[in-house]
Amino acid sequence: MGHLKQPIYFNDGKRFMKSFRFVLFVCFLLAPSYLLYAQISDTYRALAAKIGAEYGGRAEKRILAWRQVIDENRNAKIVDKLNAINNFFNLMDFVDDINHWGKKDYWATPVEFLATRGGDCEDFTIAKYFALRELGVPDEKLRLVYVKALKLNQHHMVLAYYHKPTSVPVILDNLDKVLKPASKRRDLLPIYSFNAENLWLSKEKGRGVLVGGSSRLSLWTDLNNRLTEFEK
């Protein structure tokens, strides 16, 4: 992280403000719907109403809250974008695919994830990835990383942000919710990573070995085919 003028992960000087913002997020989700409409376009209000009609009023508020977070952070510094998106989506619940979708493995779209207020690690990571892309973070700076969570002895997925190609990436995770450089996440063993274009197999050091396009991942291709105009 020596390339950054300002650390991406939390430090003691910012801890109070980040906690305060978290409380504001929760209050925002509980606020009356009309208070959420001020800065949100008619298109997304219509989407929220449609989701609300199918999944309930709180689902409608989650869609509106998502759009509010996006709108409020369009011109923010990258550290604030990463924190805002990580904090927001980490408010959702972890639910296994088999219990949530009746399938062994299903990668939900961001709207599906928010509408149902839950998903597994892939769904957290996918939602964060598309939100940061919408906020202008270049695709080449982001990777969805399939790892082994060593403490849990199970496979897991996180999002990695590279400030520069040679930087140690910052990890956005739903297990350890504090942003940390990958060098501080010894509990994660990378297996492969991908973004919109490419697929890499991980190696002991460096960013991995390019092995082709991410279209080789059938679940990723299926997800992209299901994305709506609101999520791209």
C-alpha atoms as a PDB file:
ATOM      1  CA  MET A   1       0.000   0.000   0.000  1.00  0.00           C
ATOM      2  CA  GLY A   2       2.999   2.289  -0.129  1.00  0.00           C
ATOM      3  CA  HIS A   3       1.753   3.694  -3.430  1.00  0.00           C
ATOM      4  CA  LEU A   4      -1.252   5.354  -1.761  1.00  0.00           C
ATOM      5  CA  LYS A   5      -1.066   8.770  -0.198  1.00  0.00           C
ATOM      6  CA  GLN A   6      -3.916   7.789   2.100  1.00  0.00           C
ATOM      7  CA  PRO A   7      -4.568   4.295   3.530  1.00  0.00           C
ATOM      8  CA  ILE A   8      -7.657   2.647   2.091  1.00  0.00           C
ATOM      9  CA  TYR A   9      -8.448   0.622   5.185  1.00  0.00           C
ATOM     10  CA  PHE A  10      -9.827   2.048   8.442  1.00  0.00           C
ATOM     11  CA  ASN A  11      -7.593   3.820  10.891  1.00  0.00           C
ATOM     12  CA  ASP A  12      -8.298   5.065  14.405  1.00  0.00           C
ATOM     13  CA  GLY A  13      -8.810   8.651  13.287  1.00  0.00           C
ATOM     14  CA  LYS A  14     -11.731   7.676  11.068  1.00  0.00           C
ATOM     15  CA  ARG A  15     -13.350   4.960  13.152  1.00  0.00           C
ATOM     16  CA  PHE A  16     -15.922   7.243  14.798  1.00  0.00           C
ATOM     17  CA  MET A  17     -17.081   8.756  11.508  1.00  0.00           C
ATOM     18  CA  LYS A  18     -17.376   5.348   9.845  1.00  0.00           C
ATOM     19  CA  SER A  19     -19.467   4.057  12.766  1.00  0.00           C
ATOM     20  CA  PHE A  20     -21.619   7.157  12.584  1.00  0.00           C
ATOM     21  CA  ARG A  21     -22.182   6.628   8.863  1.00  0.00           C
ATOM     22  CA  PHE A  22     -23.167   3.026   9.520  1.00  0.00           C
ATOM     23  CA  VAL A  23     -25.860   4.210  11.947  1.00  0.00           C
ATOM     24  CA  LEU A  24     -27.063   6.667   9.321  1.00  0.00           C
ATOM     25  CA  PHE A  25     -27.357   3.817   6.808  1.00  0.00           C
ATOM     26  CA  VAL A  26     -29.578   1.866   9.195  1.00  0.00           C
ATOM     27  CA  CYS A  27     -31.725   4.911   9.933  1.00  0.00           C
ATOM     28  CA  PHE A  28     -31.965   5.546   6.217  1.00  0.00           C
ATOM     29  CA  LEU A  29     -33.319   2.050   5.618  1.00  0.00           C
ATOM     30  CA  LEU A  30     -35.961   2.562   8.319  1.00  0.00           C
ATOM     31  CA  ALA A  31     -37.031   6.018   7.141  1.00  0.00           C
ATOM     32  CA  PRO A  32     -40.432   6.657   5.512  1.00  0.00           C
ATOM     33  CA  SER A  33     -40.290   6.001   1.771  1.00  0.00           C
ATOM     34  CA  TYR A  34     -41.125   9.542   0.751  1.00  0.00           C
ATOM     35  CA  LEU A  35     -37.925  10.781   2.382  1.00  0.00           C
ATOM     36  CA  LEU A  36     -35.905   8.544   0.067  1.00  0.00           C
ATOM     37  CA  TYR A  37     -37.322   9.929  -3.163  1.00  0.00           C
ATOM     38  CA  ALA A  38     -35.737  13.375  -3.235  1.00  0.00           C
ATOM     39  CA  GLN A  39     -32.638  12.642  -5.343  1.00  0.00           C
ATOM     40  CA  ILE A  40     -33.684   9.434  -7.079  1.00  0.00           C
ATOM     41  CA  SER A  41     -34.877   9.363 -10.674  1.00  0.00           C
ATOM     42  CA  ASP A  42     -38.380   8.360 -11.667  1.00  0.00           C
ATOM     43  CA  THR A  43     -36.926   5.314 -13.427  1.00  0.00           C
ATOM     44  CA  TYR A  44     -35.432   3.908 -10.254  1.00  0.00           C
ATOM     45  CA  ARG A  45     -38.443   4.868  -8.166  1.00  0.00           C
ATOM     46  CA  ALA A  46     -40.528   2.838 -10.602  1.00  0.00           C
ATOM     47  CA  LEU A  47     -38.109  -0.089 -10.252  1.00  0.00           C
ATOM     48  CA  ALA A  48     -38.257   0.196  -6.454  1.00  0.00           C
ATOM     49  CA  ALA A  49     -42.066   0.240  -6.537  1.00  0.00           C
ATOM     50  CA  LYS A  50     -42.092  -2.856  -8.745  1.00  0.00           C
ATOM     51  CA  ILE A  51     -39.746  -4.676  -6.373  1.00  0.00           C
ATOM     52  CA  GLY A  52     -41.803  -3.502  -3.410  1.00  0.00           C
ATOM     53  CA  ALA A  53     -44.992  -4.873  -4.918  1.00  0.00           C
ATOM     54  CA  GLU A  54     -43.370  -8.305  -5.233  1.00  0.00           C
ATOM     55  CA  TYR A  55     -41.119  -8.471  -2.161  1.00  0.00           C
ATOM     56  CA  GLY A  56     -42.612  -5.926   0.251  1.00  0.00           C
ATOM     57  CA  GLY A  57     -42.059  -2.372   1.418  1.00  0.00           C
ATOM     58  CA  ARG A  58     -38.642  -2.951   2.948  1.00  0.00           C
ATOM     59  CA  ALA A  59     -37.365  -4.337  -0.345  1.00  0.00           C
ATOM     60  CA  GLU A  60     -38.503  -1.121  -2.002  1.00  0.00           C
ATOM     61  CA  LYS A  61     -36.524   0.883   0.561  1.00  0.00           C
ATOM     62  CA  ARG A  62     -33.415  -1.204  -0.053  1.00  0.00           C
ATOM     63  CA  ILE A  63     -33.548  -0.439  -3.768  1.00  0.00           C
ATOM     64  CA  LEU A  64     -33.949   3.256  -3.009  1.00  0.00           C
ATOM     65  CA  ALA A  65     -31.122   3.142  -0.467  1.00  0.00           C
ATOM     66  CA  TRP A  66     -28.865   1.507  -3.077  1.00  0.00           C
ATOM     67  CA  ARG A  67     -29.548   4.335  -5.505  1.00  0.00           C
ATOM     68  CA  GLN A  68     -28.992   6.938  -2.789  1.00  0.00           C
ATOM     69  CA  VAL A  69     -25.585   5.463  -1.963  1.00  0.00           C
ATOM     70  CA  ILE A  70     -24.643   5.504  -5.646  1.00  0.00           C
ATOM     71  CA  ASP A  71     -25.803   9.094  -6.146  1.00  0.00           C
ATOM     72  CA  GLU A  72     -24.058  10.364  -3.005  1.00  0.00           C
ATOM     73  CA  ASN A  73     -20.702   8.850  -3.958  1.00  0.00           C
ATOM     74  CA  ARG A  74     -20.370   9.598  -7.672  1.00  0.00           C
ATOM     75  CA  ASN A  75     -17.813  12.340  -7.016  1.00  0.00           C
ATOM     76  CA  ALA A  76     -16.303  10.874  -3.865  1.00  0.00           C
ATOM     77  CA  LYS A  77     -12.671   9.894  -3.382  1.00  0.00           C
ATOM     78  CA  ILE A  78     -11.892   6.266  -4.121  1.00  0.00           C
ATOM     79  CA  VAL A  79     -11.391   5.445  -0.425  1.00  0.00           C
ATOM     80  CA  ASP A  80     -14.884   6.759   0.312  1.00  0.00           C
ATOM     81  CA  LYS A  81     -16.405   4.867  -2.618  1.00  0.00           C
ATOM     82  CA  LEU A  82     -14.886   1.605  -1.418  1.00  0.00           C
ATOM     83  CA  ASN A  83     -16.023   2.140   2.149  1.00  0.00           C
ATOM     84  CA  ALA A  84     -19.536   3.246   1.221  1.00  0.00           C
ATOM     85  CA  ILE A  85     -20.187   0.320  -1.106  1.00  0.00           C
ATOM     86  CA  ASN A  86     -18.611  -2.242   1.208  1.00  0.00           C
ATOM     87  CA  ASN A  87     -20.569  -0.987   4.220  1.00  0.00           C
ATOM     88  CA  PHE A  88     -23.877  -0.789   2.385  1.00  0.00           C
ATOM     89  CA  PHE A  89     -23.949  -4.261   0.893  1.00  0.00           C
ATOM     90  CA  ASN A  90     -22.575  -5.810   4.085  1.00  0.00           C
ATOM     91  CA  LEU A  91     -25.888  -4.835   5.701  1.00  0.00           C
ATOM     92  CA  MET A  92     -27.497  -7.726   3.820  1.00  0.00           C
ATOM     93  CA  ASP A  93     -27.780 -11.241   5.260  1.00  0.00           C
ATOM     94  CA  PHE A  94     -25.683 -14.260   4.357  1.00  0.00           C
ATOM     95  CA  VAL A  95     -27.864 -17.111   3.070  1.00  0.00           C
ATOM     96  CA  ASP A  96     -26.694 -20.287   1.345  1.00  0.00           C
ATOM     97  CA  ASP A  97     -27.838 -20.713  -2.261  1.00  0.00           C
ATOM     98  CA  ILE A  98     -29.591 -24.005  -1.603  1.00  0.00           C
ATOM     99  CA  ASN A  99     -31.748 -22.378   1.086  1.00  0.00           C
ATOM    100  CA  HIS A 100     -32.204 -19.080  -0.722  1.00  0.00           C
ATOM    101  CA  TRP A 101     -32.647 -20.095  -4.355  1.00  0.00           C
ATOM    102  CA  GLY A 102     -33.113 -23.847  -4.177  1.00  0.00           C
ATOM    103  CA  LYS A 103     -29.942 -24.331  -6.229  1.00  0.00           C
ATOM    104  CA  LYS A 104     -26.485 -25.544  -5.282  1.00  0.00           C
ATOM    105  CA  ASP A 105     -24.839 -22.516  -6.894  1.00  0.00           C
ATOM    106  CA  TYR A 106     -26.566 -19.386  -8.176  1.00  0.00           C
ATOM    107  CA  TRP A 107     -25.034 -15.954  -8.802  1.00  0.00           C
ATOM    108  CA  ALA A 108     -27.706 -13.331  -8.157  1.00  0.00           C
ATOM    109  CA  THR A 109     -27.947  -9.958  -9.840  1.00  0.00           C
ATOM    110  CA  PRO A 110     -27.633  -6.909  -7.564  1.00  0.00           C
ATOM    111  CA  VAL A 111     -31.390  -6.304  -7.759  1.00  0.00           C
ATOM    112  CA  GLU A 112     -32.143  -9.919  -6.837  1.00  0.00           C
ATOM    113  CA  PHE A 113     -29.695  -9.665  -3.939  1.00  0.00           C
ATOM    114  CA  LEU A 114     -31.269  -6.482  -2.598  1.00  0.00           C
ATOM    115  CA  ALA A 115     -34.861  -7.540  -3.228  1.00  0.00           C
ATOM    116  CA  THR A 116     -34.404 -10.674  -1.120  1.00  0.00           C
ATOM    117  CA  ARG A 117     -32.054  -9.021   1.399  1.00  0.00           C
ATOM    118  CA  GLY A 118     -29.573 -11.844   1.233  1.00  0.00           C
ATOM    119  CA  GLY A 119     -27.273 -14.136  -0.639  1.00  0.00           C
ATOM    120  CA  ASP A 120     -23.953 -15.908  -0.342  1.00  0.00           C
ATOM    121  CA  CYS A 121     -20.420 -14.567  -0.736  1.00  0.00           C
ATOM    122  CA  GLU A 122     -20.614 -14.424  -4.539  1.00  0.00           C
ATOM    123  CA  ASP A 123     -23.713 -12.235  -4.348  1.00  0.00           C
ATOM    124  CA  PHE A 124     -22.071  -9.763  -1.936  1.00  0.00           C
ATOM    125  CA  THR A 125     -19.018  -9.568  -4.202  1.00  0.00           C
ATOM    126  CA  ILE A 126     -20.967  -9.220  -7.452  1.00  0.00           C
ATOM    127  CA  ALA A 127     -23.139  -6.417  -6.066  1.00  0.00           C
ATOM    128  CA  LYS A 128     -20.066  -4.499  -4.851  1.00  0.00           C
ATOM    129  CA  TYR A 129     -18.318  -4.998  -8.190  1.00  0.00           C
ATOM    130  CA  PHE A 130     -21.159  -3.588 -10.297  1.00  0.00           C
ATOM    131  CA  ALA A 131     -21.739  -0.694  -7.874  1.00  0.00           C
ATOM    132  CA  LEU A 132     -18.097   0.371  -8.070  1.00  0.00           C
ATOM    133  CA  ARG A 133     -18.126   0.029 -11.847  1.00  0.00           C
ATOM    134  CA  GLU A 134     -21.137   2.350 -11.940  1.00  0.00           C
ATOM    135  CA  LEU A 135     -19.207   4.783  -9.743  1.00  0.00           C
ATOM    136  CA  GLY A 136     -16.511   4.960 -12.395  1.00  0.00           C
ATOM    137  CA  VAL A 137     -13.917   2.572 -11.000  1.00  0.00           C
ATOM    138  CA  PRO A 138     -12.155   1.065 -14.054  1.00  0.00           C
ATOM    139  CA  ASP A 139     -12.666  -2.631 -14.636  1.00  0.00           C
ATOM    140  CA  GLU A 140      -8.916  -3.245 -14.752  1.00  0.00           C
ATOM    141  CA  LYS A 141      -8.668  -2.096 -11.117  1.00  0.00           C
ATOM    142  CA  LEU A 142     -11.217  -4.637  -9.901  1.00  0.00           C
ATOM    143  CA  ARG A 143     -11.193  -8.408  -9.597  1.00  0.00           C
ATOM    144  CA  LEU A 144     -13.665 -10.863  -8.210  1.00  0.00           C
ATOM    145  CA  VAL A 145     -11.436 -13.340  -6.383  1.00  0.00           C
ATOM    146  CA  TYR A 146     -12.369 -16.932  -5.604  1.00  0.00           C
ATOM    147  CA  VAL A 147     -10.456 -17.966  -2.499  1.00  0.00           C
ATOM    148  CA  LYS A 148     -10.312 -20.577   0.205  1.00  0.00           C
ATOM    149  CA  ALA A 149     -11.220 -19.157   3.609  1.00  0.00           C
ATOM    150  CA  LEU A 150      -8.655 -21.062   5.662  1.00  0.00           C
ATOM    151  CA  LYS A 151     -10.250 -20.539   9.076  1.00  0.00           C
ATOM    152  CA  LEU A 152     -13.594 -21.832   7.802  1.00  0.00           C
ATOM    153  CA  ASN A 153     -12.026 -24.435   5.504  1.00  0.00           C
ATOM    154  CA  GLN A 154     -14.408 -23.528   2.706  1.00  0.00           C
ATOM    155  CA  HIS A 155     -14.460 -21.680  -0.585  1.00  0.00           C
ATOM    156  CA  HIS A 156     -15.322 -17.999  -0.558  1.00  0.00           C
ATOM    157  CA  MET A 157     -15.350 -14.953  -2.836  1.00  0.00           C
ATOM    158  CA  VAL A 158     -14.135 -11.393  -2.217  1.00  0.00           C
ATOM    159  CA  LEU A 159     -13.619  -8.261  -4.290  1.00  0.00           C
ATOM    160  CA  ALA A 160     -10.115  -6.878  -4.806  1.00  0.00           C
ATOM    161  CA  TYR A 161      -9.289  -3.270  -5.706  1.00  0.00           C
ATOM    162  CA  TYR A 162      -5.870  -2.479  -7.210  1.00  0.00           C
ATOM    163  CA  HIS A 163      -4.870   1.176  -6.844  1.00  0.00           C
ATOM    164  CA  LYS A 164      -2.064   0.519  -9.345  1.00  0.00           C
ATOM    165  CA  PRO A 165      -1.206  -2.644 -11.305  1.00  0.00           C
ATOM    166  CA  THR A 166       1.665  -3.356  -8.919  1.00  0.00           C
ATOM    167  CA  SER A 167      -0.207  -2.445  -5.729  1.00  0.00           C
ATOM    168  CA  VAL A 168      -1.209  -4.893  -3.036  1.00  0.00           C
ATOM    169  CA  PRO A 169      -4.970  -5.016  -3.525  1.00  0.00           C
ATOM    170  CA  VAL A 170      -7.515  -3.891  -0.958  1.00  0.00           C
ATOM    171  CA  ILE A 171     -10.077  -6.561  -0.072  1.00  0.00           C
ATOM    172  CA  LEU A 172     -13.824  -5.956   0.231  1.00  0.00           C
ATOM    173  CA  ASP A 173     -15.351  -8.864   2.131  1.00  0.00           C
ATOM    174  CA  ASN A 174     -18.574  -9.838   3.899  1.00  0.00           C
ATOM    175  CA  LEU A 175     -16.747 -11.981   6.486  1.00  0.00           C
ATOM    176  CA  ASP A 176     -14.124  -9.494   7.648  1.00  0.00           C
ATOM    177  CA  LYS A 177     -16.084  -6.317   7.011  1.00  0.00           C
ATOM    178  CA  VAL A 178     -13.170  -3.887   7.482  1.00  0.00           C
ATOM    179  CA  LEU A 179     -11.250  -2.963   4.333  1.00  0.00           C
ATOM    180  CA  LYS A 180      -7.748  -4.387   4.531  1.00  0.00           C
ATOM    181  CA  PRO A 181      -4.832  -4.904   2.156  1.00  0.00           C
ATOM    182  CA  ALA A 182      -4.504  -8.480   0.934  1.00  0.00           C
ATOM    183  CA  SER A 183      -1.209  -8.729   2.828  1.00  0.00           C
ATOM    184  CA  LYS A 184      -3.264  -8.524   6.055  1.00  0.00           C
ATOM    185  CA  ARG A 185      -5.639 -11.296   4.972  1.00  0.00           C
ATOM    186  CA  ARG A 186      -3.528 -14.358   5.617  1.00  0.00           C
ATOM    187  CA  ASP A 187      -6.763 -16.260   6.179  1.00  0.00           C
ATOM    188  CA  LEU A 188      -7.524 -16.169   2.428  1.00  0.00           C
ATOM    189  CA  LEU A 189      -5.849 -18.385  -0.169  1.00  0.00           C
ATOM    190  CA  PRO A 190      -6.512 -17.105  -3.727  1.00  0.00           C
ATOM    191  CA  ILE A 191      -7.497 -19.692  -6.338  1.00  0.00           C
ATOM    192  CA  TYR A 192      -8.592 -17.679  -9.366  1.00  0.00           C
ATOM    193  CA  SER A 193      -9.818 -14.174 -10.171  1.00  0.00           C
ATOM    194  CA  PHE A 194     -11.699 -12.446 -12.961  1.00  0.00           C
ATOM    195  CA  ASN A 195     -13.343  -9.243 -14.117  1.00  0.00           C
ATOM    196  CA  ALA A 196     -15.508  -8.330 -17.112  1.00  0.00           C
ATOM    197  CA  GLU A 197     -12.856  -9.362 -19.608  1.00  0.00           C
ATOM    198  CA  ASN A 198     -10.254 -11.743 -18.212  1.00  0.00           C
ATOM    199  CA  LEU A 199      -9.688 -14.800 -16.061  1.00  0.00           C
ATOM    200  CA  TRP A 200      -6.523 -15.435 -14.046  1.00  0.00           C
ATOM    201  CA  LEU A 201      -5.283 -18.436 -12.114  1.00  0.00           C
ATOM    202  CA  SER A 202      -3.629 -17.339  -8.911  1.00  0.00           C
ATOM    203  CA  LYS A 203      -0.003 -17.960  -8.109  1.00  0.00           C
ATOM    204  CA  GLU A 204       2.031 -17.531  -4.968  1.00  0.00           C
ATOM    205  CA  LYS A 205       3.086 -13.984  -5.782  1.00  0.00           C
ATOM    206  CA  GLY A 206       1.826 -11.382  -8.226  1.00  0.00           C
ATOM    207  CA  ARG A 207      -1.526 -10.933  -9.899  1.00  0.00           C
ATOM    208  CA  GLY A 208      -1.806 -14.424 -11.353  1.00  0.00           C
ATOM    209  CA  VAL A 209      -1.486 -16.063 -14.752  1.00  0.00           C
ATOM    210  CA  LEU A 210      -3.881 -14.957 -17.494  1.00  0.00           C
ATOM    211  CA  VAL A 211      -5.655 -18.046 -18.833  1.00  0.00           C
ATOM    212  CA  GLY A 212      -8.345 -16.515 -21.045  1.00  0.00           C
ATOM    213  CA  GLY A 213     -11.585 -14.582 -20.969  1.00  0.00           C
ATOM    214  CA  SER A 214     -14.025 -14.535 -18.063  1.00  0.00           C
ATOM    215  CA  SER A 215     -16.695 -15.829 -20.457  1.00  0.00           C
ATOM    216  CA  ARG A 216     -15.220 -19.264 -19.708  1.00  0.00           C
ATOM    217  CA  LEU A 217     -17.057 -19.091 -16.371  1.00  0.00           C
ATOM    218  CA  SER A 218     -20.578 -20.318 -17.089  1.00  0.00           C
ATOM    219  CA  LEU A 219     -22.071 -18.775 -13.929  1.00  0.00           C
ATOM    220  CA  TRP A 220     -20.575 -15.381 -14.837  1.00  0.00           C
ATOM    221  CA  THR A 221     -21.966 -15.604 -18.370  1.00  0.00           C
ATOM    222  CA  ASP A 222     -25.390 -16.604 -17.047  1.00  0.00           C
ATOM    223  CA  LEU A 223     -25.350 -13.702 -14.581  1.00  0.00           C
ATOM    224  CA  ASN A 224     -24.500 -11.168 -17.270  1.00  0.00           C
ATOM    225  CA  ASN A 225     -27.283 -12.495 -19.474  1.00  0.00           C
ATOM    226  CA  ARG A 226     -29.748 -11.854 -16.638  1.00  0.00           C
ATOM    227  CA  LEU A 227     -28.597  -8.330 -15.773  1.00  0.00           C
ATOM    228  CA  THR A 228     -31.252  -5.710 -16.379  1.00  0.00           C
ATOM    229  CA  GLU A 229     -30.673  -2.255 -17.803  1.00  0.00           C
ATOM    230  CA  PHE A 230     -30.697  -0.948 -14.226  1.00  0.00           C
ATOM    231  CA  GLU A 231     -27.661  -2.986 -13.169  1.00  0.00           C
ATOM    232  CA  LYS A 232     -25.176  -2.608 -16.024  1.00  0.00           C
END
